[in-house]
Amino acid sequence: MLSDADLIAFVPATDVDEARDFYTGTLGLSLVEENPAALVYEAHGTMLRVTPVPDMTPAPYTVAGWAVDDIADLVTRLGSRGVVFQRFDGMEQDELGIWRSPGGGLVAWFKDPAGNTLSLTQFQP
């Protein structure tokens, strides 16, 4: 039924100005629309709607992520823009904070200004 429909991703934000600075300036996403209901981004073919909310408790899990070709390069570049990558007890992560999954994929996590956990994943061929 929905296999031919485009996916729309939603991320809550308590401070729209901070969210705009982060998603546009830090992450480099293209802001295509701003209205009272959302900051609307084009994220490589997927619509990302950063939705203003009056208050929130961040989810204790990843809410959105990107599949990337060179995770080490992106972690380094985002780190130079002030992004802090998360470290988790009990997970072996390298010096950049990148974890190797049992299947060989590489994953790194970071938070947006509202505390949402986001990720980068480099899948293995």
PDB file of N, CA and C in Angstrom:
ATOM      1  N   MET A   1       0.813  -1.205   0.000  1.00  0.00           N
ATOM      2  CA  MET A   1       0.000   0.000   0.000  1.00  0.00           C
ATOM      3  C   MET A   1       0.852   1.261   0.000  1.00  0.00           C
ATOM      4  N   LEU A   2       1.814   1.352   0.908  1.00  0.00           N
ATOM      5  CA  LEU A   2       2.617   2.566   0.986  1.00  0.00           C
ATOM      6  C   LEU A   2       3.982   2.424   0.324  1.00  0.00           C
ATOM      7  N   SER A   3       4.233   1.307  -0.318  1.00  0.00           N
ATOM      8  CA  SER A   3       5.564   1.079  -0.888  1.00  0.00           C
ATOM      9  C   SER A   3       5.910   2.074  -1.994  1.00  0.00           C
ATOM     10  N   ASP A   4       4.925   2.710  -2.600  1.00  0.00           N
ATOM     11  CA  ASP A   4       5.180   3.698  -3.648  1.00  0.00           C
ATOM     12  C   ASP A   4       5.060   5.134  -3.152  1.00  0.00           C
ATOM     13  N   ALA A   5       4.811   5.303  -1.865  1.00  0.00           N
ATOM     14  CA  ALA A   5       4.649   6.649  -1.302  1.00  0.00           C
ATOM     15  C   ALA A   5       5.963   7.121  -0.691  1.00  0.00           C
ATOM     16  N   ASP A   6       6.204   8.419  -0.757  1.00  0.00           N
ATOM     17  CA  ASP A   6       7.406   9.000  -0.156  1.00  0.00           C
ATOM     18  C   ASP A   6       7.262   9.080   1.355  1.00  0.00           C
ATOM     19  N   LEU A   7       8.343   8.763   2.057  1.00  0.00           N
ATOM     20  CA  LEU A   7       8.380   8.859   3.506  1.00  0.00           C
ATOM     21  C   LEU A   7       8.634  10.307   3.916  1.00  0.00           C
ATOM     22  N   ILE A   8       7.972  10.758   4.957  1.00  0.00           N
ATOM     23  CA  ILE A   8       8.200  12.074   5.556  1.00  0.00           C
ATOM     24  C   ILE A   8       8.670  11.827   6.978  1.00  0.00           C
ATOM     25  N   ALA A   9       9.789  12.424   7.355  1.00  0.00           N
ATOM     26  CA  ALA A   9      10.324  12.268   8.708  1.00  0.00           C
ATOM     27  C   ALA A   9       9.966  13.492   9.531  1.00  0.00           C
ATOM     28  N   PHE A  10       9.712  13.293  10.827  1.00  0.00           N
ATOM     29  CA  PHE A  10       9.360  14.377  11.745  1.00  0.00           C
ATOM     30  C   PHE A  10      10.308  14.361  12.935  1.00  0.00           C
ATOM     31  N   VAL A  11      10.775  15.534  13.327  1.00  0.00           N
ATOM     32  CA  VAL A  11      11.614  15.684  14.507  1.00  0.00           C
ATOM     33  C   VAL A  11      11.073  16.876  15.289  1.00  0.00           C
ATOM     34  N   PRO A  12      10.810  16.721  16.594  1.00  0.00           N
ATOM     35  CA  PRO A  12      10.307  17.847  17.381  1.00  0.00           C
ATOM     36  C   PRO A  12      11.429  18.797  17.782  1.00  0.00           C
ATOM     37  N   ALA A  13      11.070  20.068  17.954  1.00  0.00           N
ATOM     38  CA  ALA A  13      12.031  21.078  18.402  1.00  0.00           C
ATOM     39  C   ALA A  13      11.333  22.072  19.318  1.00  0.00           C
ATOM     40  N   THR A  14      11.952  22.377  20.445  1.00  0.00           N
ATOM     41  CA  THR A  14      11.376  23.352  21.375  1.00  0.00           C
ATOM     42  C   THR A  14      11.813  24.777  21.058  1.00  0.00           C
ATOM     43  N   ASP A  15      12.892  24.943  20.311  1.00  0.00           N
ATOM     44  CA  ASP A  15      13.397  26.261  19.932  1.00  0.00           C
ATOM     45  C   ASP A  15      13.665  26.249  18.430  1.00  0.00           C
ATOM     46  N   VAL A  16      12.774  26.887  17.670  1.00  0.00           N
ATOM     47  CA  VAL A  16      12.859  26.854  16.210  1.00  0.00           C
ATOM     48  C   VAL A  16      14.126  27.545  15.705  1.00  0.00           C
ATOM     49  N   ASP A  17      14.530  28.633  16.335  1.00  0.00           N
ATOM     50  CA  ASP A  17      15.739  29.332  15.888  1.00  0.00           C
ATOM     51  C   ASP A  17      16.977  28.454  16.050  1.00  0.00           C
ATOM     52  N   GLU A  18      17.104  27.801  17.202  1.00  0.00           N
ATOM     53  CA  GLU A  18      18.220  26.875  17.409  1.00  0.00           C
ATOM     54  C   GLU A  18      18.169  25.719  16.412  1.00  0.00           C
ATOM     55  N   ALA A  19      16.971  25.193  16.190  1.00  0.00           N
ATOM     56  CA  ALA A  19      16.810  24.079  15.250  1.00  0.00           C
ATOM     57  C   ALA A  19      17.205  24.513  13.842  1.00  0.00           C
ATOM     58  N   ARG A  20      16.781  25.692  13.411  1.00  0.00           N
ATOM     59  CA  ARG A  20      17.134  26.184  12.076  1.00  0.00           C
ATOM     60  C   ARG A  20      18.643  26.325  11.945  1.00  0.00           C
ATOM     61  N   ASP A  21      19.276  26.927  12.948  1.00  0.00           N
ATOM     62  CA  ASP A  21      20.735  27.075  12.918  1.00  0.00           C
ATOM     63  C   ASP A  21      21.426  25.712  12.806  1.00  0.00           C
ATOM     64  N   PHE A  22      20.942  24.742  13.561  1.00  0.00           N
ATOM     65  CA  PHE A  22      21.561  23.415  13.577  1.00  0.00           C
ATOM     66  C   PHE A  22      21.340  22.659  12.264  1.00  0.00           C
ATOM     67  N   TYR A  23      20.079  22.514  11.865  1.00  0.00           N
ATOM     68  CA  TYR A  23      19.779  21.700  10.684  1.00  0.00           C
ATOM     69  C   TYR A  23      20.254  22.367   9.392  1.00  0.00           C
ATOM     70  N   THR A  24      20.191  23.700   9.335  1.00  0.00           N
ATOM     71  CA  THR A  24      20.645  24.409   8.141  1.00  0.00           C
ATOM     72  C   THR A  24      22.146  24.674   8.197  1.00  0.00           C
ATOM     73  N   GLY A  25      22.587  25.341   9.253  1.00  0.00           N
ATOM     74  CA  GLY A  25      23.979  25.766   9.338  1.00  0.00           C
ATOM     75  C   GLY A  25      24.951  24.658   9.658  1.00  0.00           C
ATOM     76  N   THR A  26      24.640  23.862  10.669  1.00  0.00           N
ATOM     77  CA  THR A  26      25.572  22.820  11.109  1.00  0.00           C
ATOM     78  C   THR A  26      25.510  21.588  10.224  1.00  0.00           C
ATOM     79  N   LEU A  27      24.304  21.076   9.972  1.00  0.00           N
ATOM     80  CA  LEU A  27      24.175  19.854   9.175  1.00  0.00           C
ATOM     81  C   LEU A  27      24.172  20.118   7.676  1.00  0.00           C
ATOM     82  N   GLY A  28      23.864  21.355   7.268  1.00  0.00           N
ATOM     83  CA  GLY A  28      23.905  21.701   5.850  1.00  0.00           C
ATOM     84  C   GLY A  28      22.707  21.245   5.042  1.00  0.00           C
ATOM     85  N   LEU A  29      21.570  20.991   5.707  1.00  0.00           N
ATOM     86  CA  LEU A  29      20.369  20.607   4.967  1.00  0.00           C
ATOM     87  C   LEU A  29      19.744  21.832   4.304  1.00  0.00           C
ATOM     88  N   SER A  30      19.034  21.613   3.213  1.00  0.00           N
ATOM     89  CA  SER A  30      18.386  22.700   2.479  1.00  0.00           C
ATOM     90  C   SER A  30      17.000  22.967   3.051  1.00  0.00           C
ATOM     91  N   LEU A  31      16.821  24.165   3.595  1.00  0.00           N
ATOM     92  CA  LEU A  31      15.518  24.598   4.105  1.00  0.00           C
ATOM     93  C   LEU A  31      14.677  25.005   2.904  1.00  0.00           C
ATOM     94  N   VAL A  32      13.567  24.306   2.681  1.00  0.00           N
ATOM     95  CA  VAL A  32      12.735  24.601   1.516  1.00  0.00           C
ATOM     96  C   VAL A  32      11.468  25.359   1.869  1.00  0.00           C
ATOM     97  N   GLU A  33      11.106  25.335   3.139  1.00  0.00           N
ATOM     98  CA  GLU A  33       9.906  26.066   3.564  1.00  0.00           C
ATOM     99  C   GLU A  33       9.967  26.269   5.069  1.00  0.00           C
ATOM    100  N   GLU A  34       9.476  27.417   5.498  1.00  0.00           N
ATOM    101  CA  GLU A  34       9.326  27.676   6.928  1.00  0.00           C
ATOM    102  C   GLU A  34       7.940  28.241   7.137  1.00  0.00           C
ATOM    103  N   ASN A  35       7.187  27.610   8.011  1.00  0.00           N
ATOM    104  CA  ASN A  35       5.845  28.080   8.327  1.00  0.00           C
ATOM    105  C   ASN A  35       5.595  27.811   9.807  1.00  0.00           C
ATOM    106  N   PRO A  36       4.497  28.266  10.365  1.00  0.00           N
ATOM    107  CA  PRO A  36       4.270  28.054  11.807  1.00  0.00           C
ATOM    108  C   PRO A  36       4.218  26.587  12.233  1.00  0.00           C
ATOM    109  N   ALA A  37       3.969  25.685  11.290  1.00  0.00           N
ATOM    110  CA  ALA A  37       3.855  24.266  11.631  1.00  0.00           C
ATOM    111  C   ALA A  37       5.177  23.524  11.554  1.00  0.00           C
ATOM    112  N   ALA A  38       6.154  24.036  10.788  1.00  0.00           N
ATOM    113  CA  ALA A  38       7.395  23.274  10.635  1.00  0.00           C
ATOM    114  C   ALA A  38       8.456  24.045   9.860  1.00  0.00           C
ATOM    115  N   LEU A  39       9.702  23.650  10.119  1.00  0.00           N
ATOM    116  CA  LEU A  39      10.811  23.946   9.218  1.00  0.00           C
ATOM    117  C   LEU A  39      10.866  22.734   8.301  1.00  0.00           C
ATOM    118  N   VAL A  40      10.777  22.944   7.008  1.00  0.00           N
ATOM    119  CA  VAL A  40      10.717  21.834   6.071  1.00  0.00           C
ATOM    120  C   VAL A  40      12.042  21.754   5.318  1.00  0.00           C
ATOM    121  N   TYR A  41      12.700  20.601   5.433  1.00  0.00           N
ATOM    122  CA  TYR A  41      13.992  20.383   4.796  1.00  0.00           C
ATOM    123  C   TYR A  41      13.884  19.318   3.723  1.00  0.00           C
ATOM    124  N   GLU A  42      14.736  19.467   2.706  1.00  0.00           N
ATOM    125  CA  GLU A  42      14.912  18.433   1.696  1.00  0.00           C
ATOM    126  C   GLU A  42      16.158  17.675   2.114  1.00  0.00           C
ATOM    127  N   ALA A  43      16.003  16.401   2.403  1.00  0.00           N
ATOM    128  CA  ALA A  43      17.107  15.586   2.891  1.00  0.00           C
ATOM    129  C   ALA A  43      17.343  14.438   1.911  1.00  0.00           C
ATOM    130  N   HIS A  44      17.942  14.766   0.766  1.00  0.00           N
ATOM    131  CA  HIS A  44      18.293  13.769  -0.257  1.00  0.00           C
ATOM    132  C   HIS A  44      17.082  12.929  -0.658  1.00  0.00           C
ATOM    133  N   GLY A  45      16.004  13.629  -0.981  1.00  0.00           N
ATOM    134  CA  GLY A  45      14.801  12.944  -1.451  1.00  0.00           C
ATOM    135  C   GLY A  45      13.760  12.656  -0.388  1.00  0.00           C
ATOM    136  N   THR A  46      14.096  12.903   0.867  1.00  0.00           N
ATOM    137  CA  THR A  46      13.137  12.705   1.954  1.00  0.00           C
ATOM    138  C   THR A  46      12.821  14.056   2.575  1.00  0.00           C
ATOM    139  N   MET A  47      11.547  14.296   2.820  1.00  0.00           N
ATOM    140  CA  MET A  47      11.159  15.518   3.500  1.00  0.00           C
ATOM    141  C   MET A  47      11.366  15.329   5.001  1.00  0.00           C
ATOM    142  N   LEU A  48      12.092  16.248   5.609  1.00  0.00           N
ATOM    143  CA  LEU A  48      12.268  16.267   7.061  1.00  0.00           C
ATOM    144  C   LEU A  48      11.547  17.493   7.582  1.00  0.00           C
ATOM    145  N   ARG A  49      10.579  17.269   8.454  1.00  0.00           N
ATOM    146  CA  ARG A  49       9.812  18.362   9.054  1.00  0.00           C
ATOM    147  C   ARG A  49      10.232  18.497  10.508  1.00  0.00           C
ATOM    148  N   VAL A  50      10.885  19.605  10.831  1.00  0.00           N
ATOM    149  CA  VAL A  50      11.262  19.915  12.205  1.00  0.00           C
ATOM    150  C   VAL A  50      10.098  20.721  12.771  1.00  0.00           C
ATOM    151  N   THR A  51       9.380  20.097  13.682  1.00  0.00           N
ATOM    152  CA  THR A  51       8.099  20.614  14.142  1.00  0.00           C
ATOM    153  C   THR A  51       8.211  21.275  15.505  1.00  0.00           C
ATOM    154  N   PRO A  52       7.796  22.545  15.619  1.00  0.00           N
ATOM    155  CA  PRO A  52       7.855  23.212  16.924  1.00  0.00           C
ATOM    156  C   PRO A  52       6.871  22.586  17.913  1.00  0.00           C
ATOM    157  N   VAL A  53       7.368  22.348  19.117  1.00  0.00           N
ATOM    158  CA  VAL A  53       6.538  21.841  20.207  1.00  0.00           C
ATOM    159  C   VAL A  53       6.815  22.698  21.442  1.00  0.00           C
ATOM    160  N   PRO A  54       5.833  22.881  22.309  1.00  0.00           N
ATOM    161  CA  PRO A  54       6.054  23.735  23.486  1.00  0.00           C
ATOM    162  C   PRO A  54       7.019  23.130  24.504  1.00  0.00           C
ATOM    163  N   ASP A  55       6.988  21.823  24.634  1.00  0.00           N
ATOM    164  CA  ASP A  55       7.931  21.139  25.526  1.00  0.00           C
ATOM    165  C   ASP A  55       7.996  19.671  25.093  1.00  0.00           C
ATOM    166  N   MET A  56       9.047  19.008  25.519  1.00  0.00           N
ATOM    167  CA  MET A  56       9.210  17.615  25.118  1.00  0.00           C
ATOM    168  C   MET A  56      10.214  16.935  26.020  1.00  0.00           C
ATOM    169  N   THR A  57      10.136  15.633  26.052  1.00  0.00           N
ATOM    170  CA  THR A  57      11.150  14.797  26.673  1.00  0.00           C
ATOM    171  C   THR A  57      11.768  14.009  25.529  1.00  0.00           C
ATOM    172  N   PRO A  58      13.070  14.204  25.265  1.00  0.00           N
ATOM    173  CA  PRO A  58      13.685  13.486  24.151  1.00  0.00           C
ATOM    174  C   PRO A  58      13.552  11.968  24.310  1.00  0.00           C
ATOM    175  N   ALA A  59      13.317  11.306  23.194  1.00  0.00           N
ATOM    176  CA  ALA A  59      13.232   9.846  23.193  1.00  0.00           C
ATOM    177  C   ALA A  59      14.597   9.269  23.557  1.00  0.00           C
ATOM    178  N   PRO A  60      14.628   8.133  24.253  1.00  0.00           N
ATOM    179  CA  PRO A  60      15.903   7.530  24.650  1.00  0.00           C
ATOM    180  C   PRO A  60      16.524   6.650  23.547  1.00  0.00           C
ATOM    181  N   TYR A  61      16.165   6.905  22.320  1.00  0.00           N
ATOM    182  CA  TYR A  61      16.649   6.124  21.187  1.00  0.00           C
ATOM    183  C   TYR A  61      16.833   7.056  19.985  1.00  0.00           C
ATOM    184  N   THR A  62      17.414   6.541  18.930  1.00  0.00           N
ATOM    185  CA  THR A  62      17.639   7.313  17.713  1.00  0.00           C
ATOM    186  C   THR A  62      16.306   7.607  17.033  1.00  0.00           C
ATOM    187  N   VAL A  63      16.084   8.888  16.681  1.00  0.00           N
ATOM    188  CA  VAL A  63      14.830   9.257  16.026  1.00  0.00           C
ATOM    189  C   VAL A  63      14.992   9.467  14.524  1.00  0.00           C
ATOM    190  N   ALA A  64      16.209   9.735  14.061  1.00  0.00           N
ATOM    191  CA  ALA A  64      16.460   9.928  12.629  1.00  0.00           C
ATOM    192  C   ALA A  64      17.941   9.696  12.367  1.00  0.00           C
ATOM    193  N   GLY A  65      18.247   9.280  11.157  1.00  0.00           N
ATOM    194  CA  GLY A  65      19.650   9.042  10.824  1.00  0.00           C
ATOM    195  C   GLY A  65      19.887   9.121   9.333  1.00  0.00           C
ATOM    196  N   TRP A  66      21.152   9.157   8.984  1.00  0.00           N
ATOM    197  CA  TRP A  66      21.567   9.255   7.596  1.00  0.00           C
ATOM    198  C   TRP A  66      22.509   8.106   7.256  1.00  0.00           C
ATOM    199  N   ALA A  67      22.321   7.500   6.090  1.00  0.00           N
ATOM    200  CA  ALA A  67      23.256   6.516   5.548  1.00  0.00           C
ATOM    201  C   ALA A  67      24.308   7.304   4.783  1.00  0.00           C
ATOM    202  N   VAL A  68      25.571   7.096   5.130  1.00  0.00           N
ATOM    203  CA  VAL A  68      26.664   7.877   4.550  1.00  0.00           C
ATOM    204  C   VAL A  68      27.723   6.956   3.967  1.00  0.00           C
ATOM    205  N   ASP A  69      28.530   7.503   3.067  1.00  0.00           N
ATOM    206  CA  ASP A  69      29.587   6.718   2.421  1.00  0.00           C
ATOM    207  C   ASP A  69      30.890   6.711   3.208  1.00  0.00           C
ATOM    208  N   ASP A  70      31.192   7.804   3.911  1.00  0.00           N
ATOM    209  CA  ASP A  70      32.455   7.926   4.634  1.00  0.00           C
ATOM    210  C   ASP A  70      32.185   8.521   6.010  1.00  0.00           C
ATOM    211  N   ILE A  71      31.853   7.661   6.959  1.00  0.00           N
ATOM    212  CA  ILE A  71      31.440   8.115   8.283  1.00  0.00           C
ATOM    213  C   ILE A  71      32.567   8.849   9.011  1.00  0.00           C
ATOM    214  N   ALA A  72      33.792   8.375   8.897  1.00  0.00           N
ATOM    215  CA  ALA A  72      34.901   9.031   9.599  1.00  0.00           C
ATOM    216  C   ALA A  72      35.071  10.466   9.131  1.00  0.00           C
ATOM    217  N   ASP A  73      34.973  10.691   7.824  1.00  0.00           N
ATOM    218  CA  ASP A  73      35.087  12.043   7.281  1.00  0.00           C
ATOM    219  C   ASP A  73      33.968  12.931   7.811  1.00  0.00           C
ATOM    220  N   LEU A  74      32.726  12.442   7.793  1.00  0.00           N
ATOM    221  CA  LEU A  74      31.595  13.257   8.260  1.00  0.00           C
ATOM    222  C   LEU A  74      31.661  13.520   9.759  1.00  0.00           C
ATOM    223  N   VAL A  75      32.058  12.536  10.547  1.00  0.00           N
ATOM    224  CA  VAL A  75      32.199  12.747  11.995  1.00  0.00           C
ATOM    225  C   VAL A  75      33.243  13.834  12.247  1.00  0.00           C
ATOM    226  N   THR A  76      34.335  13.787  11.514  1.00  0.00           N
ATOM    227  CA  THR A  76      35.381  14.799  11.677  1.00  0.00           C
ATOM    228  C   THR A  76      34.876  16.172  11.256  1.00  0.00           C
ATOM    229  N   ARG A  77      34.212  16.252  10.113  1.00  0.00           N
ATOM    230  CA  ARG A  77      33.711  17.541   9.628  1.00  0.00           C
ATOM    231  C   ARG A  77      32.635  18.111  10.539  1.00  0.00           C
ATOM    232  N   LEU A  78      31.700  17.273  10.983  1.00  0.00           N
ATOM    233  CA  LEU A  78      30.660  17.763  11.892  1.00  0.00           C
ATOM    234  C   LEU A  78      31.260  18.140  13.245  1.00  0.00           C
ATOM    235  N   GLY A  79      32.240  17.385  13.697  1.00  0.00           N
ATOM    236  CA  GLY A  79      32.923  17.726  14.938  1.00  0.00           C
ATOM    237  C   GLY A  79      33.561  19.102  14.870  1.00  0.00           C
ATOM    238  N   SER A  80      34.102  19.461  13.704  1.00  0.00           N
ATOM    239  CA  SER A  80      34.702  20.789  13.539  1.00  0.00           C
ATOM    240  C   SER A  80      33.646  21.894  13.549  1.00  0.00           C
ATOM    241  N   ARG A  81      32.387  21.521  13.384  1.00  0.00           N
ATOM    242  CA  ARG A  81      31.274  22.480  13.441  1.00  0.00           C
ATOM    243  C   ARG A  81      30.605  22.478  14.820  1.00  0.00           C
ATOM    244  N   GLY A  82      31.206  21.774  15.766  1.00  0.00           N
ATOM    245  CA  GLY A  82      30.690  21.782  17.123  1.00  0.00           C
ATOM    246  C   GLY A  82      29.807  20.615  17.507  1.00  0.00           C
ATOM    247  N   VAL A  83      29.582  19.679  16.608  1.00  0.00           N
ATOM    248  CA  VAL A  83      28.761  18.509  16.930  1.00  0.00           C
ATOM    249  C   VAL A  83      29.564  17.593  17.846  1.00  0.00           C
ATOM    250  N   VAL A  84      28.939  17.186  18.948  1.00  0.00           N
ATOM    251  CA  VAL A  84      29.573  16.281  19.900  1.00  0.00           C
ATOM    252  C   VAL A  84      28.974  14.896  19.699  1.00  0.00           C
ATOM    253  N   PHE A  85      29.822  13.924  19.426  1.00  0.00           N
ATOM    254  CA  PHE A  85      29.345  12.567  19.214  1.00  0.00           C
ATOM    255  C   PHE A  85      29.261  11.833  20.545  1.00  0.00           C
ATOM    256  N   GLN A  86      28.204  11.058  20.690  1.00  0.00           N
ATOM    257  CA  GLN A  86      27.875  10.392  21.937  1.00  0.00           C
ATOM    258  C   GLN A  86      28.733   9.152  22.151  1.00  0.00           C
ATOM    259  N   ARG A  87      29.013   8.877  23.391  1.00  0.00           N
ATOM    260  CA  ARG A  87      29.696   7.646  23.782  1.00  0.00           C
ATOM    261  C   ARG A  87      28.770   6.909  24.759  1.00  0.00           C
ATOM    262  N   PHE A  88      28.747   5.605  24.629  1.00  0.00           N
ATOM    263  CA  PHE A  88      27.846   4.798  25.441  1.00  0.00           C
ATOM    264  C   PHE A  88      28.632   3.741  26.201  1.00  0.00           C
ATOM    265  N   ASP A  89      28.352   3.636  27.488  1.00  0.00           N
ATOM    266  CA  ASP A  89      28.983   2.611  28.309  1.00  0.00           C
ATOM    267  C   ASP A  89      28.648   1.233  27.741  1.00  0.00           C
ATOM    268  N   GLY A  90      29.646   0.370  27.724  1.00  0.00           N
ATOM    269  CA  GLY A  90      29.436  -0.996  27.265  1.00  0.00           C
ATOM    270  C   GLY A  90      29.516  -1.178  25.761  1.00  0.00           C
ATOM    271  N   MET A  91      29.725  -0.089  25.022  1.00  0.00           N
ATOM    272  CA  MET A  91      29.859  -0.192  23.566  1.00  0.00           C
ATOM    273  C   MET A  91      31.277   0.226  23.199  1.00  0.00           C
ATOM    274  N   GLU A  92      31.962  -0.620  22.466  1.00  0.00           N
ATOM    275  CA  GLU A  92      33.317  -0.300  22.045  1.00  0.00           C
ATOM    276  C   GLU A  92      33.256   0.648  20.849  1.00  0.00           C
ATOM    277  N   GLN A  93      33.686   1.888  21.077  1.00  0.00           N
ATOM    278  CA  GLN A  93      33.686   2.897  20.029  1.00  0.00           C
ATOM    279  C   GLN A  93      35.128   3.360  19.800  1.00  0.00           C
ATOM    280  N   ASP A  94      35.433   3.740  18.559  1.00  0.00           N
ATOM    281  CA  ASP A  94      36.793   4.187  18.273  1.00  0.00           C
ATOM    282  C   ASP A  94      37.013   5.616  18.769  1.00  0.00           C
ATOM    283  N   GLU A  95      38.165   6.182  18.445  1.00  0.00           N
ATOM    284  CA  GLU A  95      38.529   7.506  18.947  1.00  0.00           C
ATOM    285  C   GLU A  95      37.583   8.598  18.463  1.00  0.00           C
ATOM    286  N   LEU A  96      36.846   8.358  17.363  1.00  0.00           N
ATOM    287  CA  LEU A  96      35.880   9.335  16.860  1.00  0.00           C
ATOM    288  C   LEU A  96      34.479   9.119  17.442  1.00  0.00           C
ATOM    289  N   GLY A  97      34.300   8.033  18.186  1.00  0.00           N
ATOM    290  CA  GLY A  97      32.977   7.712  18.722  1.00  0.00           C
ATOM    291  C   GLY A  97      32.182   6.800  17.811  1.00  0.00           C
ATOM    292  N   ILE A  98      32.850   6.172  16.843  1.00  0.00           N
ATOM    293  CA  ILE A  98      32.182   5.294  15.880  1.00  0.00           C
ATOM    294  C   ILE A  98      32.178   3.858  16.406  1.00  0.00           C
ATOM    295  N   TRP A  99      31.013   3.233  16.352  1.00  0.00           N
ATOM    296  CA  TRP A  99      30.823   1.853  16.804  1.00  0.00           C
ATOM    297  C   TRP A  99      30.693   0.941  15.590  1.00  0.00           C
ATOM    298  N   ARG A 100      31.301  -0.231  15.639  1.00  0.00           N
ATOM    299  CA  ARG A 100      31.157  -1.240  14.583  1.00  0.00           C
ATOM    300  C   ARG A 100      30.103  -2.246  15.030  1.00  0.00           C
ATOM    301  N   SER A 101      29.035  -2.350  14.262  1.00  0.00           N
ATOM    302  CA  SER A 101      27.953  -3.271  14.589  1.00  0.00           C
ATOM    303  C   SER A 101      28.389  -4.708  14.302  1.00  0.00           C
ATOM    304  N   PRO A 102      27.663  -5.695  14.858  1.00  0.00           N
ATOM    305  CA  PRO A 102      28.007  -7.090  14.586  1.00  0.00           C
ATOM    306  C   PRO A 102      28.005  -7.427  13.092  1.00  0.00           C
ATOM    307  N   GLY A 103      27.196  -6.720  12.309  1.00  0.00           N
ATOM    308  CA  GLY A 103      27.143  -6.955  10.869  1.00  0.00           C
ATOM    309  C   GLY A 103      28.208  -6.198  10.084  1.00  0.00           C
ATOM    310  N   GLY A 104      29.030  -5.403  10.787  1.00  0.00           N
ATOM    311  CA  GLY A 104      30.103  -4.678  10.136  1.00  0.00           C
ATOM    312  C   GLY A 104      29.810  -3.232   9.809  1.00  0.00           C
ATOM    313  N   GLY A 105      28.578  -2.815   9.956  1.00  0.00           N
ATOM    314  CA  GLY A 105      28.236  -1.412   9.715  1.00  0.00           C
ATOM    315  C   GLY A 105      28.845  -0.519  10.777  1.00  0.00           C
ATOM    316  N   LEU A 106      29.076   0.729  10.423  1.00  0.00           N
ATOM    317  CA  LEU A 106      29.650   1.706  11.349  1.00  0.00           C
ATOM    318  C   LEU A 106      28.594   2.736  11.695  1.00  0.00           C
ATOM    319  N   VAL A 107      28.489   3.067  12.993  1.00  0.00           N
ATOM    320  CA  VAL A 107      27.441   3.979  13.456  1.00  0.00           C
ATOM    321  C   VAL A 107      28.028   4.985  14.433  1.00  0.00           C
ATOM    322  N   ALA A 108      27.576   6.238  14.326  1.00  0.00           N
ATOM    323  CA  ALA A 108      27.929   7.288  15.287  1.00  0.00           C
ATOM    324  C   ALA A 108      26.662   8.070  15.599  1.00  0.00           C
ATOM    325  N   TRP A 109      26.519   8.473  16.857  1.00  0.00           N
ATOM    326  CA  TRP A 109      25.324   9.165  17.313  1.00  0.00           C
ATOM    327  C   TRP A 109      25.664  10.557  17.823  1.00  0.00           C
ATOM    328  N   PHE A 110      24.721  11.482  17.640  1.00  0.00           N
ATOM    329  CA  PHE A 110      24.858  12.843  18.151  1.00  0.00           C
ATOM    330  C   PHE A 110      23.464  13.384  18.435  1.00  0.00           C
ATOM    331  N   LYS A 111      23.406  14.511  19.131  1.00  0.00           N
ATOM    332  CA  LYS A 111      22.110  15.093  19.504  1.00  0.00           C
ATOM    333  C   LYS A 111      21.919  16.439  18.823  1.00  0.00           C
ATOM    334  N   ASP A 112      20.656  16.761  18.550  1.00  0.00           N
ATOM    335  CA  ASP A 112      20.323  18.094  18.059  1.00  0.00           C
ATOM    336  C   ASP A 112      20.067  18.996  19.268  1.00  0.00           C
ATOM    337  N   PRO A 113      19.811  20.278  19.079  1.00  0.00           N
ATOM    338  CA  PRO A 113      19.631  21.183  20.227  1.00  0.00           C
ATOM    339  C   PRO A 113      18.478  20.808  21.172  1.00  0.00           C
ATOM    340  N   ALA A 114      17.469  20.090  20.663  1.00  0.00           N
ATOM    341  CA  ALA A 114      16.351  19.681  21.513  1.00  0.00           C
ATOM    342  C   ALA A 114      16.633  18.393  22.268  1.00  0.00           C
ATOM    343  N   GLY A 115      17.779  17.761  21.976  1.00  0.00           N
ATOM    344  CA  GLY A 115      18.127  16.516  22.645  1.00  0.00           C
ATOM    345  C   GLY A 115      17.738  15.266  21.886  1.00  0.00           C
ATOM    346  N   ASN A 116      17.217  15.421  20.668  1.00  0.00           N
ATOM    347  CA  ASN A 116      16.897  14.259  19.837  1.00  0.00           C
ATOM    348  C   ASN A 116      18.187  13.558  19.436  1.00  0.00           C
ATOM    349  N   THR A 117      18.209  12.246  19.532  1.00  0.00           N
ATOM    350  CA  THR A 117      19.378  11.483  19.105  1.00  0.00           C
ATOM    351  C   THR A 117      19.277  11.211  17.611  1.00  0.00           C
ATOM    352  N   LEU A 118      20.334  11.595  16.902  1.00  0.00           N
ATOM    353  CA  LEU A 118      20.453  11.401  15.460  1.00  0.00           C
ATOM    354  C   LEU A 118      21.653  10.503  15.204  1.00  0.00           C
ATOM    355  N   SER A 119      21.718   9.897  14.029  1.00  0.00           N
ATOM    356  CA  SER A 119      22.844   8.996  13.765  1.00  0.00           C
ATOM    357  C   SER A 119      23.350   9.119  12.339  1.00  0.00           C
ATOM    358  N   LEU A 120      24.569   8.652  12.175  1.00  0.00           N
ATOM    359  CA  LEU A 120      25.186   8.428  10.873  1.00  0.00           C
ATOM    360  C   LEU A 120      25.495   6.946  10.802  1.00  0.00           C
ATOM    361  N   THR A 121      25.236   6.318   9.664  1.00  0.00           N
ATOM    362  CA  THR A 121      25.544   4.899   9.483  1.00  0.00           C
ATOM    363  C   THR A 121      26.231   4.694   8.147  1.00  0.00           C
ATOM    364  N   GLN A 122      27.341   3.991   8.196  1.00  0.00           N
ATOM    365  CA  GLN A 122      28.019   3.566   6.971  1.00  0.00           C
ATOM    366  C   GLN A 122      27.822   2.061   6.869  1.00  0.00           C
ATOM    367  N   PHE A 123      26.950   1.630   5.975  1.00  0.00           N
ATOM    368  CA  PHE A 123      26.666   0.224   5.783  1.00  0.00           C
ATOM    369  C   PHE A 123      27.816  -0.414   5.007  1.00  0.00           C
ATOM    370  N   GLN A 124      28.074  -1.671   5.289  1.00  0.00           N
ATOM    371  CA  GLN A 124      29.116  -2.405   4.581  1.00  0.00           C
ATOM    372  C   GLN A 124      28.488  -3.070   3.357  1.00  0.00           C
ATOM    373  N   PRO A 125      29.244  -3.096   2.251  1.00  0.00           N
ATOM    374  CA  PRO A 125      28.689  -3.722   1.020  1.00  0.00           C
ATOM    375  C   PRO A 125      28.511  -5.218   1.195  1.00  0.00           C
TER     376      PRO A 125
END
